[in-house]
Amino acid sequence: MPVFRELAKKIDKNKILVVHPVYKNKINEIYGDVSDFKIVFDTHEALLKSDFAYICSGTATLEAAIIGTPFVLMYKAREIEYLIAKMFVKLNYVGLANIIFEKENLGEFHKEYLQKFDINELLKDYKTSNLEEFQKKSKKLRELLKYGSSKRVVELLTE
């Protein structure tokens, strides 16, 4: 949240924080000061209304990729968890759209930032995002997944 709060101060648009409904009564306890954000509980609706997103959830990245909302993935784990995962998980990406695109030799779908975040780089990603290019990638992803999404994702990930 400290990174998201800092970004919010530098972006002159509405800021939305999507929270899973199960945490509805614990928002301040979990996230701290969220006064700069409008709180919503529906990821799908929020992504449809957004022109860009900073996302820290794997399933939300796939949803944004399919919807066509430009985004970057940001994730920070405890250092020991991150090191253990790196020892066992041999993937170049953690975002599902990136994993699928890599498996299909289509390059990178979206940027990923793991563990370390540079505010200026994150702002640059927002300011230089190309909606048309992102939506072309989104269309390609939907084509790849059209034959039963969950089955197709499993096929792509296990090939």
N, C-alpha and C. Protein backbone atom coordinates (compact mmCIF):
# COMPACT_ATOMS: atom_id res chain seq x y z
N MET A 1 0.80 -1.22 0.00
CA MET A 1 0.00 0.00 0.00
C MET A 1 0.84 1.27 0.00
N PRO A 2 2.01 1.29 0.62
CA PRO A 2 2.78 2.53 0.55
C PRO A 2 3.09 2.95 -0.89
N VAL A 3 3.37 2.01 -1.76
CA VAL A 3 3.66 2.32 -3.16
C VAL A 3 2.39 2.83 -3.85
N PHE A 4 1.26 2.16 -3.60
CA PHE A 4 0.01 2.60 -4.20
C PHE A 4 -0.39 3.99 -3.72
N ARG A 5 -0.16 4.27 -2.44
CA ARG A 5 -0.47 5.61 -1.92
C ARG A 5 0.41 6.67 -2.58
N GLU A 6 1.68 6.35 -2.78
CA GLU A 6 2.59 7.30 -3.43
C GLU A 6 2.18 7.53 -4.88
N LEU A 7 1.81 6.46 -5.58
CA LEU A 7 1.34 6.60 -6.96
C LEU A 7 0.08 7.45 -7.02
N ALA A 8 -0.83 7.22 -6.08
CA ALA A 8 -2.10 7.96 -6.05
C ALA A 8 -1.87 9.46 -5.97
N LYS A 9 -0.85 9.88 -5.24
CA LYS A 9 -0.55 11.30 -5.10
C LYS A 9 -0.06 11.91 -6.41
N LYS A 10 0.48 11.08 -7.30
CA LYS A 10 1.09 11.59 -8.53
C LYS A 10 0.21 11.42 -9.76
N ILE A 11 -0.95 10.81 -9.60
CA ILE A 11 -1.86 10.61 -10.73
C ILE A 11 -3.12 11.42 -10.48
N ASP A 12 -3.44 12.28 -11.43
CA ASP A 12 -4.56 13.20 -11.29
C ASP A 12 -5.82 12.62 -11.93
N LYS A 13 -6.23 11.46 -11.44
CA LYS A 13 -7.46 10.80 -11.89
C LYS A 13 -8.06 10.10 -10.68
N ASN A 14 -9.26 9.58 -10.85
CA ASN A 14 -9.87 8.80 -9.78
C ASN A 14 -9.04 7.57 -9.49
N LYS A 15 -8.87 7.28 -8.22
CA LYS A 15 -8.12 6.10 -7.81
C LYS A 15 -9.08 5.12 -7.16
N ILE A 16 -9.02 3.88 -7.63
CA ILE A 16 -9.90 2.84 -7.12
C ILE A 16 -9.06 1.77 -6.46
N LEU A 17 -9.47 1.33 -5.31
CA LEU A 17 -8.85 0.19 -4.65
C LEU A 17 -9.87 -0.92 -4.63
N VAL A 18 -9.57 -2.01 -5.32
CA VAL A 18 -10.48 -3.15 -5.36
C VAL A 18 -10.13 -4.06 -4.19
N VAL A 19 -11.13 -4.35 -3.39
CA VAL A 19 -10.95 -5.18 -2.19
C VAL A 19 -11.88 -6.37 -2.30
N HIS A 20 -11.38 -7.53 -1.98
CA HIS A 20 -12.25 -8.71 -1.97
C HIS A 20 -13.32 -8.51 -0.91
N PRO A 21 -14.58 -8.85 -1.23
CA PRO A 21 -15.69 -8.61 -0.30
C PRO A 21 -15.50 -9.23 1.08
N VAL A 22 -14.75 -10.30 1.18
CA VAL A 22 -14.55 -10.95 2.48
C VAL A 22 -13.82 -10.01 3.46
N TYR A 23 -13.11 -9.01 2.94
CA TYR A 23 -12.36 -8.07 3.79
C TYR A 23 -13.09 -6.75 3.99
N LYS A 24 -14.36 -6.70 3.63
CA LYS A 24 -15.15 -5.48 3.67
C LYS A 24 -15.09 -4.76 5.01
N ASN A 25 -15.12 -5.49 6.10
CA ASN A 25 -15.12 -4.88 7.43
C ASN A 25 -13.73 -4.73 8.03
N LYS A 26 -12.71 -5.04 7.27
CA LYS A 26 -11.33 -4.95 7.77
C LYS A 26 -10.43 -4.11 6.87
N ILE A 27 -11.01 -3.25 6.07
CA ILE A 27 -10.24 -2.49 5.09
C ILE A 27 -9.14 -1.67 5.74
N ASN A 28 -9.48 -0.85 6.73
CA ASN A 28 -8.46 -0.01 7.37
C ASN A 28 -7.45 -0.85 8.13
N GLU A 29 -7.90 -1.92 8.72
CA GLU A 29 -7.00 -2.82 9.46
C GLU A 29 -5.96 -3.45 8.53
N ILE A 30 -6.39 -3.83 7.35
CA ILE A 30 -5.50 -4.50 6.40
C ILE A 30 -4.68 -3.51 5.59
N TYR A 31 -5.34 -2.46 5.07
CA TYR A 31 -4.69 -1.55 4.12
C TYR A 31 -4.22 -0.24 4.72
N GLY A 32 -4.62 0.07 5.91
CA GLY A 32 -4.24 1.35 6.50
C GLY A 32 -5.06 2.48 5.90
N ASP A 33 -4.46 3.64 5.75
CA ASP A 33 -5.15 4.82 5.23
C ASP A 33 -5.47 4.64 3.76
N VAL A 34 -6.75 4.59 3.44
CA VAL A 34 -7.19 4.44 2.05
C VAL A 34 -8.06 5.64 1.63
N SER A 35 -7.87 6.76 2.30
CA SER A 35 -8.71 7.93 2.06
C SER A 35 -8.55 8.50 0.65
N ASP A 36 -7.44 8.20 -0.05
CA ASP A 36 -7.25 8.69 -1.41
C ASP A 36 -7.93 7.82 -2.46
N PHE A 37 -8.55 6.73 -2.02
CA PHE A 37 -9.11 5.76 -2.95
C PHE A 37 -10.61 5.59 -2.78
N LYS A 38 -11.28 5.33 -3.88
CA LYS A 38 -12.66 4.87 -3.83
C LYS A 38 -12.56 3.35 -3.66
N ILE A 39 -13.24 2.80 -2.69
CA ILE A 39 -13.21 1.36 -2.42
C ILE A 39 -14.33 0.69 -3.20
N VAL A 40 -13.98 -0.35 -3.96
CA VAL A 40 -14.98 -1.14 -4.68
C VAL A 40 -14.70 -2.61 -4.42
N PHE A 41 -15.71 -3.43 -4.62
CA PHE A 41 -15.58 -4.86 -4.32
C PHE A 41 -15.75 -5.75 -5.54
N ASP A 42 -15.99 -5.16 -6.69
CA ASP A 42 -16.21 -5.91 -7.92
C ASP A 42 -15.06 -5.65 -8.89
N THR A 43 -14.14 -6.60 -9.00
CA THR A 43 -12.96 -6.45 -9.86
C THR A 43 -13.37 -6.22 -11.31
N HIS A 44 -14.27 -7.03 -11.79
CA HIS A 44 -14.70 -6.96 -13.18
C HIS A 44 -15.22 -5.55 -13.52
N GLU A 45 -16.12 -5.05 -12.69
CA GLU A 45 -16.69 -3.72 -12.91
C GLU A 45 -15.61 -2.64 -12.86
N ALA A 46 -14.72 -2.73 -11.89
CA ALA A 46 -13.65 -1.73 -11.76
C ALA A 46 -12.74 -1.72 -12.99
N LEU A 47 -12.38 -2.91 -13.48
CA LEU A 47 -11.51 -2.98 -14.65
C LEU A 47 -12.20 -2.43 -15.90
N LEU A 48 -13.47 -2.71 -16.04
CA LEU A 48 -14.21 -2.19 -17.20
C LEU A 48 -14.26 -0.66 -17.21
N LYS A 49 -14.23 -0.05 -16.03
CA LYS A 49 -14.32 1.42 -15.93
C LYS A 49 -12.95 2.10 -15.86
N SER A 50 -11.88 1.32 -15.85
CA SER A 50 -10.54 1.88 -15.66
C SER A 50 -9.79 2.00 -16.98
N ASP A 51 -8.92 3.02 -17.05
CA ASP A 51 -8.08 3.14 -18.24
C ASP A 51 -6.68 2.57 -18.01
N PHE A 52 -6.38 2.21 -16.75
CA PHE A 52 -5.09 1.60 -16.42
C PHE A 52 -5.19 1.03 -15.01
N ALA A 53 -4.40 -0.01 -14.74
CA ALA A 53 -4.45 -0.61 -13.40
C ALA A 53 -3.06 -1.07 -12.97
N TYR A 54 -2.82 -0.96 -11.68
CA TYR A 54 -1.67 -1.58 -11.03
C TYR A 54 -2.26 -2.75 -10.25
N ILE A 55 -1.84 -3.97 -10.59
CA ILE A 55 -2.50 -5.16 -10.05
C ILE A 55 -1.50 -6.05 -9.32
N CYS A 56 -1.93 -6.59 -8.19
CA CYS A 56 -1.05 -7.47 -7.42
C CYS A 56 -1.64 -8.87 -7.24
N SER A 57 -2.58 -9.25 -8.09
CA SER A 57 -3.19 -10.57 -7.99
C SER A 57 -3.13 -11.28 -9.33
N GLY A 58 -2.78 -12.55 -9.31
CA GLY A 58 -2.66 -13.32 -10.55
C GLY A 58 -3.96 -13.44 -11.32
N THR A 59 -5.05 -13.75 -10.62
CA THR A 59 -6.32 -13.91 -11.32
C THR A 59 -6.83 -12.57 -11.85
N ALA A 60 -6.60 -11.50 -11.12
CA ALA A 60 -7.02 -10.18 -11.59
C ALA A 60 -6.22 -9.75 -12.82
N THR A 61 -4.95 -10.17 -12.91
CA THR A 61 -4.18 -9.83 -14.11
C THR A 61 -4.75 -10.53 -15.33
N LEU A 62 -5.16 -11.78 -15.17
CA LEU A 62 -5.75 -12.49 -16.31
C LEU A 62 -7.09 -11.84 -16.69
N GLU A 63 -7.86 -11.46 -15.70
CA GLU A 63 -9.13 -10.80 -15.97
C GLU A 63 -8.91 -9.47 -16.71
N ALA A 64 -7.95 -8.68 -16.26
CA ALA A 64 -7.64 -7.40 -16.93
C ALA A 64 -7.15 -7.64 -18.35
N ALA A 65 -6.33 -8.68 -18.51
CA ALA A 65 -5.80 -9.00 -19.84
C ALA A 65 -6.93 -9.38 -20.79
N ILE A 66 -7.88 -10.15 -20.32
CA ILE A 66 -9.01 -10.57 -21.16
C ILE A 66 -9.93 -9.40 -21.46
N ILE A 67 -10.19 -8.56 -20.46
CA ILE A 67 -11.05 -7.39 -20.63
C ILE A 67 -10.40 -6.37 -21.55
N GLY A 68 -9.07 -6.24 -21.45
CA GLY A 68 -8.35 -5.28 -22.28
C GLY A 68 -7.98 -4.00 -21.57
N THR A 69 -7.99 -4.02 -20.24
CA THR A 69 -7.57 -2.86 -19.46
C THR A 69 -6.06 -2.90 -19.28
N PRO A 70 -5.32 -1.91 -19.82
CA PRO A 70 -3.86 -1.91 -19.65
C PRO A 70 -3.48 -1.92 -18.16
N PHE A 71 -2.41 -2.65 -17.84
CA PHE A 71 -1.99 -2.77 -16.45
C PHE A 71 -0.54 -3.21 -16.38
N VAL A 72 0.01 -3.10 -15.18
CA VAL A 72 1.26 -3.75 -14.84
C VAL A 72 1.01 -4.59 -13.59
N LEU A 73 1.72 -5.68 -13.50
CA LEU A 73 1.63 -6.54 -12.32
C LEU A 73 2.70 -6.10 -11.33
N MET A 74 2.30 -5.95 -10.08
CA MET A 74 3.23 -5.60 -9.00
C MET A 74 3.00 -6.59 -7.87
N TYR A 75 4.06 -7.22 -7.42
CA TYR A 75 3.88 -8.16 -6.32
C TYR A 75 5.11 -8.18 -5.44
N LYS A 76 4.85 -8.16 -4.14
CA LYS A 76 5.95 -8.25 -3.18
C LYS A 76 5.58 -9.29 -2.14
N ALA A 77 6.43 -10.29 -2.02
CA ALA A 77 6.27 -11.34 -1.01
C ALA A 77 7.33 -11.14 0.07
N ARG A 78 7.16 -11.86 1.15
CA ARG A 78 8.24 -11.85 2.14
C ARG A 78 9.49 -12.42 1.47
N GLU A 79 10.62 -11.85 1.78
CA GLU A 79 11.87 -12.21 1.09
C GLU A 79 12.15 -13.71 1.12
N ILE A 80 11.94 -14.36 2.25
CA ILE A 80 12.21 -15.79 2.36
C ILE A 80 11.27 -16.59 1.45
N GLU A 81 10.00 -16.18 1.39
CA GLU A 81 9.04 -16.85 0.51
C GLU A 81 9.42 -16.68 -0.95
N TYR A 82 9.86 -15.48 -1.29
CA TYR A 82 10.27 -15.19 -2.66
C TYR A 82 11.48 -16.05 -3.05
N LEU A 83 12.46 -16.14 -2.17
CA LEU A 83 13.66 -16.94 -2.45
C LEU A 83 13.33 -18.42 -2.60
N ILE A 84 12.47 -18.93 -1.74
CA ILE A 84 12.07 -20.34 -1.84
C ILE A 84 11.32 -20.58 -3.15
N ALA A 85 10.41 -19.70 -3.50
CA ALA A 85 9.66 -19.85 -4.75
C ALA A 85 10.59 -19.84 -5.95
N LYS A 86 11.57 -18.94 -5.95
CA LYS A 86 12.53 -18.88 -7.07
C LYS A 86 13.31 -20.17 -7.22
N MET A 87 13.55 -20.88 -6.10
CA MET A 87 14.29 -22.15 -6.17
C MET A 87 13.45 -23.24 -6.84
N PHE A 88 12.15 -23.21 -6.64
CA PHE A 88 11.30 -24.31 -7.12
C PHE A 88 10.50 -23.99 -8.38
N VAL A 89 10.15 -22.75 -8.57
CA VAL A 89 9.34 -22.37 -9.72
C VAL A 89 10.25 -21.81 -10.80
N LYS A 90 10.27 -22.48 -11.92
CA LYS A 90 11.16 -22.09 -13.01
C LYS A 90 10.36 -21.47 -14.15
N LEU A 91 9.84 -20.30 -13.89
CA LEU A 91 9.09 -19.55 -14.89
C LEU A 91 9.76 -18.19 -15.07
N ASN A 92 9.67 -17.65 -16.28
CA ASN A 92 10.19 -16.31 -16.53
C ASN A 92 9.22 -15.22 -16.10
N TYR A 93 7.94 -15.61 -15.97
CA TYR A 93 6.88 -14.66 -15.60
C TYR A 93 6.00 -15.26 -14.53
N VAL A 94 5.27 -14.39 -13.82
CA VAL A 94 4.28 -14.86 -12.86
C VAL A 94 2.86 -14.53 -13.30
N GLY A 95 2.69 -13.55 -14.16
CA GLY A 95 1.36 -13.19 -14.68
C GLY A 95 0.89 -14.23 -15.67
N LEU A 96 -0.36 -14.68 -15.51
CA LEU A 96 -0.87 -15.74 -16.37
C LEU A 96 -0.86 -15.36 -17.85
N ALA A 97 -1.20 -14.13 -18.19
CA ALA A 97 -1.18 -13.71 -19.60
C ALA A 97 0.25 -13.77 -20.13
N ASN A 98 1.22 -13.36 -19.35
CA ASN A 98 2.62 -13.44 -19.79
C ASN A 98 3.06 -14.88 -19.97
N ILE A 99 2.67 -15.75 -19.05
CA ILE A 99 3.05 -17.17 -19.16
C ILE A 99 2.46 -17.75 -20.44
N ILE A 100 1.20 -17.45 -20.70
CA ILE A 100 0.54 -17.96 -21.91
C ILE A 100 1.20 -17.40 -23.16
N PHE A 101 1.44 -16.09 -23.19
CA PHE A 101 2.08 -15.47 -24.36
C PHE A 101 3.48 -16.05 -24.58
N GLU A 102 4.22 -16.27 -23.52
CA GLU A 102 5.56 -16.84 -23.67
C GLU A 102 5.47 -18.26 -24.25
N LYS A 103 4.54 -19.06 -23.75
CA LYS A 103 4.35 -20.43 -24.25
C LYS A 103 4.02 -20.44 -25.74
N GLU A 104 3.34 -19.40 -26.20
CA GLU A 104 2.94 -19.29 -27.60
C GLU A 104 3.96 -18.49 -28.42
N ASN A 105 5.11 -18.15 -27.82
CA ASN A 105 6.17 -17.37 -28.49
C ASN A 105 5.66 -16.02 -29.00
N LEU A 106 4.85 -15.36 -28.19
CA LEU A 106 4.29 -14.06 -28.56
C LEU A 106 4.91 -12.90 -27.78
N GLY A 107 5.94 -13.17 -26.99
CA GLY A 107 6.59 -12.12 -26.23
C GLY A 107 5.87 -11.81 -24.93
N GLU A 108 6.15 -10.63 -24.43
CA GLU A 108 5.59 -10.20 -23.15
C GLU A 108 4.24 -9.51 -23.36
N PHE A 109 3.26 -9.90 -22.57
CA PHE A 109 1.93 -9.28 -22.63
C PHE A 109 1.91 -7.97 -21.85
N HIS A 110 2.47 -7.99 -20.65
CA HIS A 110 2.46 -6.81 -19.77
C HIS A 110 3.74 -6.82 -18.94
N LYS A 111 4.04 -5.68 -18.36
CA LYS A 111 5.22 -5.56 -17.49
C LYS A 111 4.93 -6.18 -16.14
N GLU A 112 5.99 -6.70 -15.53
CA GLU A 112 5.89 -7.27 -14.18
C GLU A 112 6.98 -6.68 -13.31
N TYR A 113 6.60 -6.34 -12.10
CA TYR A 113 7.55 -5.85 -11.10
C TYR A 113 7.40 -6.73 -9.87
N LEU A 114 8.47 -7.41 -9.52
CA LEU A 114 8.45 -8.29 -8.36
C LEU A 114 9.46 -7.80 -7.34
N GLN A 115 9.00 -7.66 -6.13
CA GLN A 115 9.82 -7.32 -4.97
C GLN A 115 10.24 -5.86 -4.90
N LYS A 116 10.64 -5.23 -5.98
CA LYS A 116 11.13 -3.84 -5.94
C LYS A 116 10.33 -2.99 -6.91
N PHE A 117 9.99 -1.78 -6.46
CA PHE A 117 9.17 -0.91 -7.28
C PHE A 117 9.79 0.47 -7.36
N ASP A 118 9.95 0.98 -8.57
CA ASP A 118 10.44 2.32 -8.80
C ASP A 118 9.24 3.17 -9.22
N ILE A 119 8.86 4.12 -8.41
CA ILE A 119 7.68 4.95 -8.65
C ILE A 119 7.74 5.61 -10.02
N ASN A 120 8.90 6.14 -10.39
CA ASN A 120 9.03 6.81 -11.69
C ASN A 120 8.80 5.85 -12.85
N GLU A 121 9.29 4.63 -12.72
CA GLU A 121 9.08 3.62 -13.76
C GLU A 121 7.59 3.23 -13.84
N LEU A 122 6.96 3.09 -12.70
CA LEU A 122 5.54 2.76 -12.67
C LEU A 122 4.69 3.88 -13.27
N LEU A 123 5.04 5.12 -12.98
CA LEU A 123 4.33 6.26 -13.57
C LEU A 123 4.55 6.31 -15.08
N LYS A 124 5.77 6.02 -15.51
CA LYS A 124 6.09 5.99 -16.93
C LYS A 124 5.23 4.94 -17.64
N ASP A 125 5.07 3.77 -17.03
CA ASP A 125 4.24 2.72 -17.63
C ASP A 125 2.80 3.21 -17.82
N TYR A 126 2.30 3.90 -16.82
CA TYR A 126 0.94 4.46 -16.91
C TYR A 126 0.85 5.49 -18.04
N LYS A 127 1.78 6.43 -18.06
CA LYS A 127 1.72 7.53 -19.01
C LYS A 127 1.97 7.09 -20.45
N THR A 128 2.71 6.02 -20.64
CA THR A 128 3.04 5.58 -21.99
C THR A 128 2.25 4.35 -22.43
N SER A 129 1.28 3.95 -21.63
CA SER A 129 0.50 2.77 -22.01
C SER A 129 -0.23 3.04 -23.33
N ASN A 130 -0.27 2.03 -24.16
CA ASN A 130 -0.87 2.14 -25.48
C ASN A 130 -2.12 1.26 -25.51
N LEU A 131 -3.27 1.88 -25.40
CA LEU A 131 -4.54 1.15 -25.33
C LEU A 131 -4.74 0.27 -26.56
N GLU A 132 -4.48 0.81 -27.73
CA GLU A 132 -4.70 0.06 -28.97
C GLU A 132 -3.82 -1.20 -29.01
N GLU A 133 -2.55 -1.05 -28.68
CA GLU A 133 -1.63 -2.19 -28.66
C GLU A 133 -2.06 -3.22 -27.60
N PHE A 134 -2.44 -2.73 -26.44
CA PHE A 134 -2.85 -3.63 -25.37
C PHE A 134 -4.11 -4.40 -25.77
N GLN A 135 -5.05 -3.73 -26.42
CA GLN A 135 -6.28 -4.39 -26.81
C GLN A 135 -6.05 -5.41 -27.93
N LYS A 136 -5.05 -5.19 -28.77
CA LYS A 136 -4.69 -6.20 -29.78
C LYS A 136 -4.17 -7.47 -29.08
N LYS A 137 -3.35 -7.28 -28.07
CA LYS A 137 -2.85 -8.42 -27.31
C LYS A 137 -4.01 -9.12 -26.59
N SER A 138 -4.93 -8.32 -26.06
CA SER A 138 -6.09 -8.87 -25.37
C SER A 138 -6.92 -9.73 -26.32
N LYS A 139 -7.12 -9.24 -27.52
CA LYS A 139 -7.89 -10.00 -28.52
C LYS A 139 -7.19 -11.33 -28.82
N LYS A 140 -5.88 -11.29 -28.98
CA LYS A 140 -5.12 -12.51 -29.25
C LYS A 140 -5.25 -13.50 -28.09
N LEU A 141 -5.17 -13.00 -26.87
CA LEU A 141 -5.32 -13.85 -25.69
C LEU A 141 -6.70 -14.50 -25.67
N ARG A 142 -7.73 -13.74 -25.95
CA ARG A 142 -9.09 -14.29 -25.98
C ARG A 142 -9.20 -15.38 -27.05
N GLU A 143 -8.54 -15.17 -28.19
CA GLU A 143 -8.54 -16.20 -29.24
C GLU A 143 -7.87 -17.48 -28.74
N LEU A 144 -6.76 -17.33 -28.03
CA LEU A 144 -6.04 -18.49 -27.51
C LEU A 144 -6.88 -19.26 -26.48
N LEU A 145 -7.71 -18.55 -25.76
CA LEU A 145 -8.48 -19.17 -24.68
C LEU A 145 -9.91 -19.56 -25.07
N LYS A 146 -10.32 -19.28 -26.28
CA LYS A 146 -11.74 -19.41 -26.62
C LYS A 146 -12.29 -20.83 -26.56
N TYR A 147 -11.48 -21.82 -26.55
CA TYR A 147 -11.97 -23.20 -26.55
C TYR A 147 -12.09 -23.74 -25.13
N GLY A 148 -12.80 -23.06 -24.27
CA GLY A 148 -12.96 -23.48 -22.88
C GLY A 148 -11.80 -22.96 -22.06
N SER A 149 -11.96 -21.77 -21.55
CA SER A 149 -10.87 -21.03 -20.91
C SER A 149 -10.04 -21.82 -19.92
N SER A 150 -10.66 -22.39 -18.90
CA SER A 150 -9.87 -23.06 -17.86
C SER A 150 -9.12 -24.26 -18.42
N LYS A 151 -9.77 -25.03 -19.29
CA LYS A 151 -9.07 -26.17 -19.90
C LYS A 151 -7.91 -25.70 -20.75
N ARG A 152 -8.13 -24.64 -21.52
CA ARG A 152 -7.08 -24.13 -22.41
C ARG A 152 -5.90 -23.57 -21.61
N VAL A 153 -6.17 -22.90 -20.52
CA VAL A 153 -5.08 -22.39 -19.67
C VAL A 153 -4.24 -23.55 -19.15
N VAL A 154 -4.90 -24.60 -18.67
CA VAL A 154 -4.17 -25.78 -18.18
C VAL A 154 -3.33 -26.38 -19.30
N GLU A 155 -3.91 -26.50 -20.50
CA GLU A 155 -3.16 -27.05 -21.63
C GLU A 155 -1.92 -26.20 -21.92
N LEU A 156 -2.10 -24.88 -21.98
CA LEU A 156 -0.98 -24.00 -22.28
C LEU A 156 0.10 -24.05 -21.21
N LEU A 157 -0.31 -24.18 -19.96
CA LEU A 157 0.65 -24.19 -18.87
C LEU A 157 1.38 -25.52 -18.72
N THR A 158 0.81 -26.59 -19.25
CA THR A 158 1.44 -27.90 -19.07
C THR A 158 2.08 -28.43 -20.35
N GLU A 159 2.01 -27.68 -21.43
CA GLU A 159 2.63 -28.14 -22.68
C GLU A 159 4.14 -28.17 -22.57
